[in-house]
PDB file of N, CA and C in Angstrom:
ATOM      1  N   UNK A   1      -4.439 -28.769   5.039  1.00  0.00           N
ATOM      2  CA  UNK A   1      -4.658 -27.677   4.109  1.00  0.00           C
ATOM      3  C   UNK A   1      -5.119 -26.455   4.908  1.00  0.00           C
ATOM      4  N   UNK A   2      -4.455 -25.316   4.731  1.00  0.00           N
ATOM      5  CA  UNK A   2      -4.845 -24.114   5.458  1.00  0.00           C
ATOM      6  C   UNK A   2      -6.089 -23.501   4.815  1.00  0.00           C
ATOM      7  N   UNK A   3      -6.698 -22.566   5.535  1.00  0.00           N
ATOM      8  CA  UNK A   3      -7.925 -21.935   5.057  1.00  0.00           C
ATOM      9  C   UNK A   3      -7.685 -21.163   3.755  1.00  0.00           C
ATOM     10  N   UNK A   4      -6.494 -20.600   3.571  1.00  0.00           N
ATOM     11  CA  UNK A   4      -6.215 -19.847   2.361  1.00  0.00           C
ATOM     12  C   UNK A   4      -6.019 -20.754   1.154  1.00  0.00           C
ATOM     13  N   UNK A   5      -5.601 -21.981   1.345  1.00  0.00           N
ATOM     14  CA  UNK A   5      -5.322 -22.902   0.246  1.00  0.00           C
ATOM     15  C   UNK A   5      -6.524 -23.748  -0.132  1.00  0.00           C
ATOM     16  N   UNK A   6      -7.584 -23.695   0.623  1.00  0.00           N
ATOM     17  CA  UNK A   6      -8.790 -24.473   0.308  1.00  0.00           C
ATOM     18  C   UNK A   6      -9.487 -23.888  -0.895  1.00  0.00           C
ATOM     19  N   UNK A   7      -9.923 -24.758  -1.798  1.00  0.00           N
ATOM     20  CA  UNK A   7     -10.710 -24.254  -2.911  1.00  0.00           C
ATOM     21  C   UNK A   7     -12.068 -23.776  -2.403  1.00  0.00           C
ATOM     22  N   UNK A   8     -12.541 -22.697  -2.976  1.00  0.00           N
ATOM     23  CA  UNK A   8     -13.797 -22.123  -2.486  1.00  0.00           C
ATOM     24  C   UNK A   8     -14.990 -22.939  -2.943  1.00  0.00           C
ATOM     25  N   UNK A   9     -15.772 -23.437  -1.976  1.00  0.00           N
ATOM     26  CA  UNK A   9     -17.022 -24.094  -2.241  1.00  0.00           C
ATOM     27  C   UNK A   9     -16.955 -25.541  -2.707  1.00  0.00           C
ATOM     28  N   UNK A  10     -15.810 -26.040  -3.140  1.00  0.00           N
ATOM     29  CA  UNK A  10     -15.701 -27.406  -3.640  1.00  0.00           C
ATOM     30  C   UNK A  10     -15.036 -28.265  -2.561  1.00  0.00           C
ATOM     31  N   UNK A  11     -15.706 -29.327  -2.180  1.00  0.00           N
ATOM     32  CA  UNK A  11     -15.144 -30.238  -1.192  1.00  0.00           C
ATOM     33  C   UNK A  11     -14.622 -31.489  -1.876  1.00  0.00           C
ATOM     34  N   UNK A  12     -15.394 -32.012  -2.792  1.00  0.00           N
ATOM     35  CA  UNK A  12     -15.012 -33.254  -3.470  1.00  0.00           C
ATOM     36  C   UNK A  12     -15.605 -33.244  -4.878  1.00  0.00           C
ATOM     37  N   UNK A  13     -14.849 -33.762  -5.827  1.00  0.00           N
ATOM     38  CA  UNK A  13     -15.346 -33.859  -7.190  1.00  0.00           C
ATOM     39  C   UNK A  13     -15.040 -35.256  -7.743  1.00  0.00           C
ATOM     40  N   UNK A  14     -16.012 -35.844  -8.440  1.00  0.00           N
ATOM     41  CA  UNK A  14     -15.818 -37.150  -9.052  1.00  0.00           C
ATOM     42  C   UNK A  14     -15.229 -37.033 -10.454  1.00  0.00           C
ATOM     43  N   UNK A  15     -15.110 -35.829 -10.956  1.00  0.00           N
ATOM     44  CA  UNK A  15     -14.554 -35.597 -12.283  1.00  0.00           C
ATOM     45  C   UNK A  15     -13.035 -35.710 -12.195  1.00  0.00           C
ATOM     46  N   UNK A  16     -12.415 -36.681 -12.905  1.00  0.00           N
ATOM     47  CA  UNK A  16     -10.974 -36.851 -12.815  1.00  0.00           C
ATOM     48  C   UNK A  16     -10.185 -35.698 -13.455  1.00  0.00           C
ATOM     49  N   UNK A  17     -10.823 -34.922 -14.326  1.00  0.00           N
ATOM     50  CA  UNK A  17     -10.147 -33.798 -14.979  1.00  0.00           C
ATOM     51  C   UNK A  17     -10.380 -32.466 -14.271  1.00  0.00           C
ATOM     52  N   UNK A  18     -11.048 -32.502 -13.126  1.00  0.00           N
ATOM     53  CA  UNK A  18     -11.363 -31.270 -12.405  1.00  0.00           C
ATOM     54  C   UNK A  18     -10.092 -30.677 -11.792  1.00  0.00           C
ATOM     55  N   UNK A  19      -9.887 -29.394 -11.993  1.00  0.00           N
ATOM     56  CA  UNK A  19      -8.753 -28.682 -11.390  1.00  0.00           C
ATOM     57  C   UNK A  19      -9.287 -27.722 -10.333  1.00  0.00           C
ATOM     58  N   UNK A  20      -8.762 -27.824  -9.140  1.00  0.00           N
ATOM     59  CA  UNK A  20      -9.166 -26.912  -8.069  1.00  0.00           C
ATOM     60  C   UNK A  20      -8.595 -25.530  -8.337  1.00  0.00           C
ATOM     61  N   UNK A  21      -9.404 -24.518  -8.104  1.00  0.00           N
ATOM     62  CA  UNK A  21      -8.965 -23.138  -8.233  1.00  0.00           C
ATOM     63  C   UNK A  21      -8.662 -22.623  -6.829  1.00  0.00           C
ATOM     64  N   UNK A  22      -7.411 -22.391  -6.547  1.00  0.00           N
ATOM     65  CA  UNK A  22      -6.999 -21.963  -5.206  1.00  0.00           C
ATOM     66  C   UNK A  22      -7.006 -20.453  -5.044  1.00  0.00           C
ATOM     67  N   UNK A  23      -7.489 -19.724  -6.003  1.00  0.00           N
ATOM     68  CA  UNK A  23      -7.569 -18.264  -5.874  1.00  0.00           C
ATOM     69  C   UNK A  23      -6.240 -17.577  -6.103  1.00  0.00           C
ATOM     70  N   UNK A  24      -5.296 -18.274  -6.700  1.00  0.00           N
ATOM     71  CA  UNK A  24      -3.991 -17.681  -6.962  1.00  0.00           C
ATOM     72  C   UNK A  24      -4.103 -16.680  -8.104  1.00  0.00           C
ATOM     73  N   UNK A  25      -3.202 -15.713  -8.112  1.00  0.00           N
ATOM     74  CA  UNK A  25      -3.188 -14.715  -9.165  1.00  0.00           C
ATOM     75  C   UNK A  25      -4.190 -13.606  -8.941  1.00  0.00           C
ATOM     76  N   UNK A  26      -4.739 -13.512  -7.746  1.00  0.00           N
ATOM     77  CA  UNK A  26      -5.720 -12.466  -7.491  1.00  0.00           C
ATOM     78  C   UNK A  26      -5.085 -11.183  -6.973  1.00  0.00           C
ATOM     79  N   UNK A  27      -3.730 -11.146  -6.920  1.00  0.00           N
ATOM     80  CA  UNK A  27      -3.048  -9.946  -6.441  1.00  0.00           C
ATOM     81  C   UNK A  27      -3.252  -8.827  -7.438  1.00  0.00           C
ATOM     82  N   UNK A  28      -3.486  -7.647  -6.920  1.00  0.00           N
ATOM     83  CA  UNK A  28      -3.807  -6.507  -7.752  1.00  0.00           C
ATOM     84  C   UNK A  28      -2.556  -6.019  -8.490  1.00  0.00           C
ATOM     85  N   UNK A  29      -2.736  -5.679  -9.761  1.00  0.00           N
ATOM     86  CA  UNK A  29      -1.641  -5.142 -10.563  1.00  0.00           C
ATOM     87  C   UNK A  29      -1.333  -3.720 -10.113  1.00  0.00           C
ATOM     88  N   UNK A  30      -0.054  -3.396 -10.060  1.00  0.00           N
ATOM     89  CA  UNK A  30       0.367  -2.057  -9.657  1.00  0.00           C
ATOM     90  C   UNK A  30       0.282  -1.117 -10.853  1.00  0.00           C
ATOM     91  N   UNK A  31      -0.410  -0.003 -10.653  1.00  0.00           N
ATOM     92  CA  UNK A  31      -0.494   1.004 -11.703  1.00  0.00           C
ATOM     93  C   UNK A  31       0.838   1.733 -11.804  1.00  0.00           C
ATOM     94  N   UNK A  32       1.196   2.220 -12.993  1.00  0.00           N
ATOM     95  CA  UNK A  32       2.417   3.014 -13.110  1.00  0.00           C
ATOM     96  C   UNK A  32       2.293   4.295 -12.293  1.00  0.00           C
ATOM     97  N   UNK A  33       3.419   4.863 -11.860  1.00  0.00           N
ATOM     98  CA  UNK A  33       3.363   6.070 -11.017  1.00  0.00           C
ATOM     99  C   UNK A  33       2.541   7.207 -11.614  1.00  0.00           C
ATOM    100  N   UNK A  34       2.584   7.385 -12.921  1.00  0.00           N
ATOM    101  CA  UNK A  34       1.853   8.505 -13.535  1.00  0.00           C
ATOM    102  C   UNK A  34       0.339   8.327 -13.448  1.00  0.00           C
ATOM    103  N   UNK A  35      -0.133   7.082 -13.224  1.00  0.00           N
ATOM    104  CA  UNK A  35      -1.581   6.827 -13.113  1.00  0.00           C
ATOM    105  C   UNK A  35      -2.053   6.742 -11.662  1.00  0.00           C
ATOM    106  N   UNK A  36      -1.140   6.774 -10.717  1.00  0.00           N
ATOM    107  CA  UNK A  36      -1.504   6.726  -9.300  1.00  0.00           C
ATOM    108  C   UNK A  36      -2.053   8.097  -8.892  1.00  0.00           C
ATOM    109  N   UNK A  37      -3.007   8.104  -7.986  1.00  0.00           N
ATOM    110  CA  UNK A  37      -3.567   9.342  -7.442  1.00  0.00           C
ATOM    111  C   UNK A  37      -3.478   9.265  -5.921  1.00  0.00           C
ATOM    112  N   UNK A  38      -2.368   9.723  -5.371  1.00  0.00           N
ATOM    113  CA  UNK A  38      -2.114   9.588  -3.943  1.00  0.00           C
ATOM    114  C   UNK A  38      -2.564  10.821  -3.173  1.00  0.00           C
ATOM    115  N   UNK A  39      -2.972  10.590  -1.935  1.00  0.00           N
ATOM    116  CA  UNK A  39      -3.377  11.666  -1.009  1.00  0.00           C
ATOM    117  C   UNK A  39      -2.437  11.634   0.183  1.00  0.00           C
ATOM    118  N   UNK A  40      -1.920  12.795   0.554  1.00  0.00           N
ATOM    119  CA  UNK A  40      -0.979  12.904   1.666  1.00  0.00           C
ATOM    120  C   UNK A  40      -1.672  13.658   2.798  1.00  0.00           C
ATOM    121  N   UNK A  41      -1.815  12.992   3.948  1.00  0.00           N
ATOM    122  CA  UNK A  41      -2.487  13.549   5.126  1.00  0.00           C
ATOM    123  C   UNK A  41      -1.486  13.694   6.268  1.00  0.00           C
ATOM    124  N   UNK A  42      -1.786  14.595   7.205  1.00  0.00           N
ATOM    125  CA  UNK A  42      -1.047  14.651   8.467  1.00  0.00           C
ATOM    126  C   UNK A  42      -2.041  14.426   9.577  1.00  0.00           C
ATOM    127  N   UNK A  43      -1.683  13.532  10.482  1.00  0.00           N
ATOM    128  CA  UNK A  43      -2.571  13.195  11.605  1.00  0.00           C
ATOM    129  C   UNK A  43      -1.849  13.519  12.902  1.00  0.00           C
ATOM    130  N   UNK A  44      -2.561  14.145  13.838  1.00  0.00           N
ATOM    131  CA  UNK A  44      -1.981  14.440  15.153  1.00  0.00           C
ATOM    132  C   UNK A  44      -2.198  13.267  16.080  1.00  0.00           C
ATOM    133  N   UNK A  45      -1.167  12.947  16.820  1.00  0.00           N
ATOM    134  CA  UNK A  45      -1.223  11.859  17.792  1.00  0.00           C
ATOM    135  C   UNK A  45      -1.080  12.427  19.193  1.00  0.00           C
ATOM    136  N   UNK A  46      -1.116  11.544  20.191  1.00  0.00           N
ATOM    137  CA  UNK A  46      -0.910  11.972  21.577  1.00  0.00           C
ATOM    138  C   UNK A  46       0.466  12.592  21.763  1.00  0.00           C
ATOM    139  N   UNK A  47       0.560  13.500  22.703  1.00  0.00           N
ATOM    140  CA  UNK A  47       1.860  14.068  23.042  1.00  0.00           C
ATOM    141  C   UNK A  47       2.406  15.000  21.991  1.00  0.00           C
ATOM    142  N   UNK A  48       1.554  15.666  21.238  1.00  0.00           N
ATOM    143  CA  UNK A  48       1.964  16.652  20.225  1.00  0.00           C
ATOM    144  C   UNK A  48       2.837  16.023  19.126  1.00  0.00           C
ATOM    145  N   UNK A  49       2.615  14.739  18.841  1.00  0.00           N
ATOM    146  CA  UNK A  49       3.351  14.063  17.776  1.00  0.00           C
ATOM    147  C   UNK A  49       2.509  14.048  16.510  1.00  0.00           C
ATOM    148  N   UNK A  50       3.168  13.965  15.376  1.00  0.00           N
ATOM    149  CA  UNK A  50       2.482  13.970  14.084  1.00  0.00           C
ATOM    150  C   UNK A  50       2.838  12.712  13.319  1.00  0.00           C
ATOM    151  N   UNK A  51       1.943  12.358  12.410  1.00  0.00           N
ATOM    152  CA  UNK A  51       2.126  11.180  11.566  1.00  0.00           C
ATOM    153  C   UNK A  51       1.660  11.567  10.163  1.00  0.00           C
ATOM    154  N   UNK A  52       2.475  11.277   9.163  1.00  0.00           N
ATOM    155  CA  UNK A  52       2.106  11.561   7.774  1.00  0.00           C
ATOM    156  C   UNK A  52       1.600  10.270   7.146  1.00  0.00           C
ATOM    157  N   UNK A  53       0.415  10.328   6.517  1.00  0.00           N
ATOM    158  CA  UNK A  53      -0.210   9.160   5.884  1.00  0.00           C
ATOM    159  C   UNK A  53      -0.270   9.361   4.381  1.00  0.00           C
ATOM    160  N   UNK A  54       0.044   8.313   3.643  1.00  0.00           N
ATOM    161  CA  UNK A  54      -0.117   8.326   2.188  1.00  0.00           C
ATOM    162  C   UNK A  54      -1.177   7.290   1.860  1.00  0.00           C
ATOM    163  N   UNK A  55      -2.261   7.732   1.236  1.00  0.00           N
ATOM    164  CA  UNK A  55      -3.384   6.851   0.891  1.00  0.00           C
ATOM    165  C   UNK A  55      -3.624   6.864  -0.609  1.00  0.00           C
ATOM    166  N   UNK A  56      -4.286   5.820  -1.076  1.00  0.00           N
ATOM    167  CA  UNK A  56      -4.709   5.771  -2.476  1.00  0.00           C
ATOM    168  C   UNK A  56      -3.792   4.989  -3.388  1.00  0.00           C
ATOM    169  N   UNK A  57      -2.786   4.300  -2.846  1.00  0.00           N
ATOM    170  CA  UNK A  57      -1.881   3.504  -3.685  1.00  0.00           C
ATOM    171  C   UNK A  57      -2.650   2.307  -4.238  1.00  0.00           C
ATOM    172  N   UNK A  58      -2.559   2.119  -5.550  1.00  0.00           N
ATOM    173  CA  UNK A  58      -3.232   0.995  -6.211  1.00  0.00           C
ATOM    174  C   UNK A  58      -2.151   0.047  -6.708  1.00  0.00           C
ATOM    175  N   UNK A  59      -2.077  -1.139  -6.073  1.00  0.00           N
ATOM    176  CA  UNK A  59      -1.085  -2.099  -6.501  1.00  0.00           C
ATOM    177  C   UNK A  59      -0.823  -3.150  -5.454  1.00  0.00           C
ATOM    178  N   UNK A  60       0.246  -3.905  -5.675  1.00  0.00           N
ATOM    179  CA  UNK A  60       0.568  -5.016  -4.787  1.00  0.00           C
ATOM    180  C   UNK A  60       1.157  -4.504  -3.476  1.00  0.00           C
ATOM    181  N   UNK A  61       1.048  -5.346  -2.472  1.00  0.00           N
ATOM    182  CA  UNK A  61       1.572  -5.031  -1.139  1.00  0.00           C
ATOM    183  C   UNK A  61       3.091  -4.837  -1.190  1.00  0.00           C
ATOM    184  N   UNK A  62       3.784  -5.656  -1.989  1.00  0.00           N
ATOM    185  CA  UNK A  62       5.243  -5.551  -2.096  1.00  0.00           C
ATOM    186  C   UNK A  62       5.665  -4.220  -2.696  1.00  0.00           C
ATOM    187  N   UNK A  63       4.953  -3.759  -3.727  1.00  0.00           N
ATOM    188  CA  UNK A  63       5.292  -2.471  -4.342  1.00  0.00           C
ATOM    189  C   UNK A  63       5.022  -1.315  -3.381  1.00  0.00           C
ATOM    190  N   UNK A  64       3.950  -1.429  -2.593  1.00  0.00           N
ATOM    191  CA  UNK A  64       3.642  -0.386  -1.609  1.00  0.00           C
ATOM    192  C   UNK A  64       4.723  -0.348  -0.526  1.00  0.00           C
ATOM    193  N   UNK A  65       5.178  -1.521  -0.092  1.00  0.00           N
ATOM    194  CA  UNK A  65       6.255  -1.586   0.916  1.00  0.00           C
ATOM    195  C   UNK A  65       7.544  -0.992   0.365  1.00  0.00           C
ATOM    196  N   UNK A  66       7.830  -1.243  -0.907  1.00  0.00           N
ATOM    197  CA  UNK A  66       9.036  -0.686  -1.524  1.00  0.00           C
ATOM    198  C   UNK A  66       8.965   0.838  -1.570  1.00  0.00           C
ATOM    199  N   UNK A  67       7.802   1.387  -1.915  1.00  0.00           N
ATOM    200  CA  UNK A  67       7.632   2.836  -1.908  1.00  0.00           C
ATOM    201  C   UNK A  67       7.774   3.389  -0.502  1.00  0.00           C
ATOM    202  N   UNK A  68       7.198   2.694   0.482  1.00  0.00           N
ATOM    203  CA  UNK A  68       7.320   3.119   1.874  1.00  0.00           C
ATOM    204  C   UNK A  68       8.772   3.156   2.326  1.00  0.00           C
ATOM    205  N   UNK A  69       9.545   2.132   1.964  1.00  0.00           N
ATOM    206  CA  UNK A  69      10.970   2.097   2.320  1.00  0.00           C
ATOM    207  C   UNK A  69      11.723   3.264   1.687  1.00  0.00           C
ATOM    208  N   UNK A  70      11.408   3.557   0.408  1.00  0.00           N
ATOM    209  CA  UNK A  70      12.060   4.671  -0.282  1.00  0.00           C
ATOM    210  C   UNK A  70      11.776   5.998   0.417  1.00  0.00           C
ATOM    211  N   UNK A  71      10.511   6.201   0.793  1.00  0.00           N
ATOM    212  CA  UNK A  71      10.133   7.453   1.436  1.00  0.00           C
ATOM    213  C   UNK A  71      10.749   7.587   2.827  1.00  0.00           C
ATOM    214  N   UNK A  72      10.723   6.500   3.597  1.00  0.00           N
ATOM    215  CA  UNK A  72      11.319   6.535   4.947  1.00  0.00           C
ATOM    216  C   UNK A  72      12.810   6.837   4.863  1.00  0.00           C
ATOM    217  N   UNK A  73      13.485   6.203   3.939  1.00  0.00           N
ATOM    218  CA  UNK A  73      14.914   6.401   3.782  1.00  0.00           C
ATOM    219  C   UNK A  73      15.230   7.838   3.370  1.00  0.00           C
ATOM    220  N   UNK A  74      14.464   8.368   2.416  1.00  0.00           N
ATOM    221  CA  UNK A  74      14.697   9.736   1.928  1.00  0.00           C
ATOM    222  C   UNK A  74      14.420  10.776   3.008  1.00  0.00           C
ATOM    223  N   UNK A  75      13.432  10.495   3.863  1.00  0.00           N
ATOM    224  CA  UNK A  75      13.090  11.442   4.930  1.00  0.00           C
ATOM    225  C   UNK A  75      13.946  11.244   6.182  1.00  0.00           C
ATOM    226  N   UNK A  76      14.603  10.096   6.286  1.00  0.00           N
ATOM    227  CA  UNK A  76      15.436   9.812   7.437  1.00  0.00           C
ATOM    228  C   UNK A  76      14.642   9.555   8.706  1.00  0.00           C
ATOM    229  N   UNK A  77      13.450   8.989   8.565  1.00  0.00           N
ATOM    230  CA  UNK A  77      12.588   8.701   9.719  1.00  0.00           C
ATOM    231  C   UNK A  77      12.047   7.277   9.614  1.00  0.00           C
ATOM    232  N   UNK A  78      11.337   6.853  10.645  1.00  0.00           N
ATOM    233  CA  UNK A  78      10.705   5.549  10.646  1.00  0.00           C
ATOM    234  C   UNK A  78       9.303   5.608  10.080  1.00  0.00           C
ATOM    235  N   UNK A  79       8.692   4.454  10.004  1.00  0.00           N
ATOM    236  CA  UNK A  79       7.331   4.372   9.514  1.00  0.00           C
ATOM    237  C   UNK A  79       6.967   2.934   9.244  1.00  0.00           C
ATOM    238  N   UNK A  80       5.802   2.734   8.636  1.00  0.00           N
ATOM    239  CA  UNK A  80       5.360   1.385   8.327  1.00  0.00           C
ATOM    240  C   UNK A  80       4.339   1.429   7.200  1.00  0.00           C
ATOM    241  N   UNK A  81       4.009   0.241   6.704  1.00  0.00           N
ATOM    242  CA  UNK A  81       2.976   0.079   5.687  1.00  0.00           C
ATOM    243  C   UNK A  81       1.988  -0.913   6.245  1.00  0.00           C
ATOM    244  N   UNK A  82       0.712  -0.466   6.342  1.00  0.00           N
ATOM    245  CA  UNK A  82      -0.302  -1.334   6.936  1.00  0.00           C
ATOM    246  C   UNK A  82      -1.679  -0.932   6.405  1.00  0.00           C
ATOM    247  N   UNK A  83      -2.515  -1.920   6.143  1.00  0.00           N
ATOM    248  CA  UNK A  83      -3.911  -1.689   5.735  1.00  0.00           C
ATOM    249  C   UNK A  83      -4.035  -0.765   4.530  1.00  0.00           C
ATOM    250  N   UNK A  84      -3.140  -0.896   3.568  1.00  0.00           N
ATOM    251  CA  UNK A  84      -3.219  -0.097   2.353  1.00  0.00           C
ATOM    252  C   UNK A  84      -2.777   1.347   2.521  1.00  0.00           C
ATOM    253  N   UNK A  85      -2.092   1.672   3.611  1.00  0.00           N
ATOM    254  CA  UNK A  85      -1.608   3.034   3.853  1.00  0.00           C
ATOM    255  C   UNK A  85      -0.130   2.990   4.194  1.00  0.00           C
ATOM    256  N   UNK A  86       0.553   4.077   3.858  1.00  0.00           N
ATOM    257  CA  UNK A  86       1.963   4.216   4.217  1.00  0.00           C
ATOM    258  C   UNK A  86       2.021   5.253   5.340  1.00  0.00           C
ATOM    259  N   UNK A  87       2.623   4.883   6.469  1.00  0.00           N
ATOM    260  CA  UNK A  87       2.755   5.759   7.627  1.00  0.00           C
ATOM    261  C   UNK A  87       4.203   6.222   7.732  1.00  0.00           C
ATOM    262  N   UNK A  88       4.416   7.515   7.828  1.00  0.00           N
ATOM    263  CA  UNK A  88       5.750   8.098   8.004  1.00  0.00           C
ATOM    264  C   UNK A  88       5.721   8.944   9.278  1.00  0.00           C
ATOM    265  N   UNK A  89       6.703   8.736  10.158  1.00  0.00           N
ATOM    266  CA  UNK A  89       6.727   9.471  11.420  1.00  0.00           C
ATOM    267  C   UNK A  89       7.050  10.946  11.177  1.00  0.00           C
ATOM    268  N   UNK A  90       6.329  11.798  11.882  1.00  0.00           N
ATOM    269  CA  UNK A  90       6.553  13.234  11.803  1.00  0.00           C
ATOM    270  C   UNK A  90       5.712  13.899  10.738  1.00  0.00           C
ATOM    271  N   UNK A  91       5.729  15.222  10.757  1.00  0.00           N
ATOM    272  CA  UNK A  91       5.008  16.009   9.752  1.00  0.00           C
ATOM    273  C   UNK A  91       5.954  16.235   8.575  1.00  0.00           C
ATOM    274  N   UNK A  92       5.965  15.307   7.657  1.00  0.00           N
ATOM    275  CA  UNK A  92       6.861  15.346   6.497  1.00  0.00           C
ATOM    276  C   UNK A  92       6.074  15.556   5.209  1.00  0.00           C
ATOM    277  N   UNK A  93       4.911  16.170   5.311  1.00  0.00           N
ATOM    278  CA  UNK A  93       4.013  16.284   4.164  1.00  0.00           C
ATOM    279  C   UNK A  93       4.681  16.976   2.970  1.00  0.00           C
ATOM    280  N   UNK A  94       5.319  18.126   3.195  1.00  0.00           N
ATOM    281  CA  UNK A  94       5.924  18.860   2.079  1.00  0.00           C
ATOM    282  C   UNK A  94       7.050  18.071   1.431  1.00  0.00           C
ATOM    283  N   UNK A  95       7.908  17.458   2.260  1.00  0.00           N
ATOM    284  CA  UNK A  95       9.021  16.679   1.748  1.00  0.00           C
ATOM    285  C   UNK A  95       8.508  15.468   0.955  1.00  0.00           C
ATOM    286  N   UNK A  96       7.495  14.813   1.464  1.00  0.00           N
ATOM    287  CA  UNK A  96       6.923  13.634   0.782  1.00  0.00           C
ATOM    288  C   UNK A  96       6.244  14.043  -0.524  1.00  0.00           C
ATOM    289  N   UNK A  97       5.564  15.172  -0.523  1.00  0.00           N
ATOM    290  CA  UNK A  97       4.942  15.660  -1.754  1.00  0.00           C
ATOM    291  C   UNK A  97       6.002  15.852  -2.845  1.00  0.00           C
ATOM    292  N   UNK A  98       7.122  16.483  -2.493  1.00  0.00           N
ATOM    293  CA  UNK A  98       8.187  16.708  -3.460  1.00  0.00           C
ATOM    294  C   UNK A  98       8.792  15.390  -3.943  1.00  0.00           C
ATOM    295  N   UNK A  99       9.013  14.453  -3.009  1.00  0.00           N
ATOM    296  CA  UNK A  99       9.582  13.151  -3.369  1.00  0.00           C
ATOM    297  C   UNK A  99       8.654  12.375  -4.301  1.00  0.00           C
ATOM    298  N   UNK A 100       7.355  12.346  -3.973  1.00  0.00           N
ATOM    299  CA  UNK A 100       6.400  11.611  -4.809  1.00  0.00           C
ATOM    300  C   UNK A 100       6.355  12.200  -6.218  1.00  0.00           C
ATOM    301  N   UNK A 101       6.374  13.534  -6.320  1.00  0.00           N
ATOM    302  CA  UNK A 101       6.362  14.160  -7.637  1.00  0.00           C
ATOM    303  C   UNK A 101       7.656  13.871  -8.393  1.00  0.00           C
ATOM    304  N   UNK A 102       8.768  13.810  -7.661  1.00  0.00           N
ATOM    305  CA  UNK A 102      10.055  13.475  -8.268  1.00  0.00           C
ATOM    306  C   UNK A 102      10.048  12.036  -8.795  1.00  0.00           C
ATOM    307  N   UNK A 103       9.369  11.126  -8.091  1.00  0.00           N
ATOM    308  CA  UNK A 103       9.265   9.731  -8.514  1.00  0.00           C
ATOM    309  C   UNK A 103       8.234   9.534  -9.610  1.00  0.00           C
ATOM    310  N   UNK A 104       7.487  10.584  -9.963  1.00  0.00           N
ATOM    311  CA  UNK A 104       6.524  10.513 -11.062  1.00  0.00           C
ATOM    312  C   UNK A 104       5.082  10.262 -10.627  1.00  0.00           C
ATOM    313  N   UNK A 105       4.787  10.305  -9.317  1.00  0.00           N
ATOM    314  CA  UNK A 105       3.432  10.071  -8.813  1.00  0.00           C
ATOM    315  C   UNK A 105       2.639  11.378  -8.818  1.00  0.00           C
ATOM    316  N   UNK A 106       1.331  11.252  -9.000  1.00  0.00           N
ATOM    317  CA  UNK A 106       0.433  12.401  -8.811  1.00  0.00           C
ATOM    318  C   UNK A 106       0.025  12.379  -7.344  1.00  0.00           C
ATOM    319  N   UNK A 107       0.316  13.436  -6.626  1.00  0.00           N
ATOM    320  CA  UNK A 107       0.000  13.484  -5.194  1.00  0.00           C
ATOM    321  C   UNK A 107      -0.648  14.823  -4.878  1.00  0.00           C
ATOM    322  N   UNK A 108      -1.598  14.770  -3.956  1.00  0.00           N
ATOM    323  CA  UNK A 108      -2.295  15.979  -3.506  1.00  0.00           C
ATOM    324  C   UNK A 108      -2.314  16.013  -1.990  1.00  0.00           C
ATOM    325  N   UNK A 109      -2.268  17.221  -1.457  1.00  0.00           N
ATOM    326  CA  UNK A 109      -2.431  17.397  -0.016  1.00  0.00           C
ATOM    327  C   UNK A 109      -3.892  17.175   0.310  1.00  0.00           C
ATOM    328  N   UNK A 110      -4.118  16.592   1.465  1.00  0.00           N
ATOM    329  CA  UNK A 110      -5.480  16.309   1.879  1.00  0.00           C
ATOM    330  C   UNK A 110      -5.582  16.560   3.377  1.00  0.00           C
ATOM    331  N   UNK A 111      -6.732  16.997   3.817  1.00  0.00           N
ATOM    332  CA  UNK A 111      -6.923  17.255   5.243  1.00  0.00           C
ATOM    333  C   UNK A 111      -6.369  18.610   5.645  1.00  0.00           C
ATOM    334  N   UNK A 112      -6.317  18.842   6.967  1.00  0.00           N
ATOM    335  CA  UNK A 112      -5.899  20.136   7.505  1.00  0.00           C
ATOM    336  C   UNK A 112      -4.484  20.342   7.410  1.00  0.00           C
TER     337      UNK A 112
END
């Protein structure tokens, strides 16, 4: 049994009707786009490179990855989704702001 599948705190029970709770169903529900409040940042990296970050997405990891794929494809650049943030290569803040609003998300510029 892996660490994720172990029931929390229960090792053994003599109750024949006892059901172990494996913590399933704890994935966060994705809010509809109109209720999302996203922040779009631009971060400078080494070598005069830029990175656009989208923060504040409330929902499942799969839905966030799907949004990241949509944005990367529309901008024609690479990127990734990690630690609750969507990373898009380059300074694409204005283009991403327009795309998010087109998809029905509330988005604000943040940072410098």
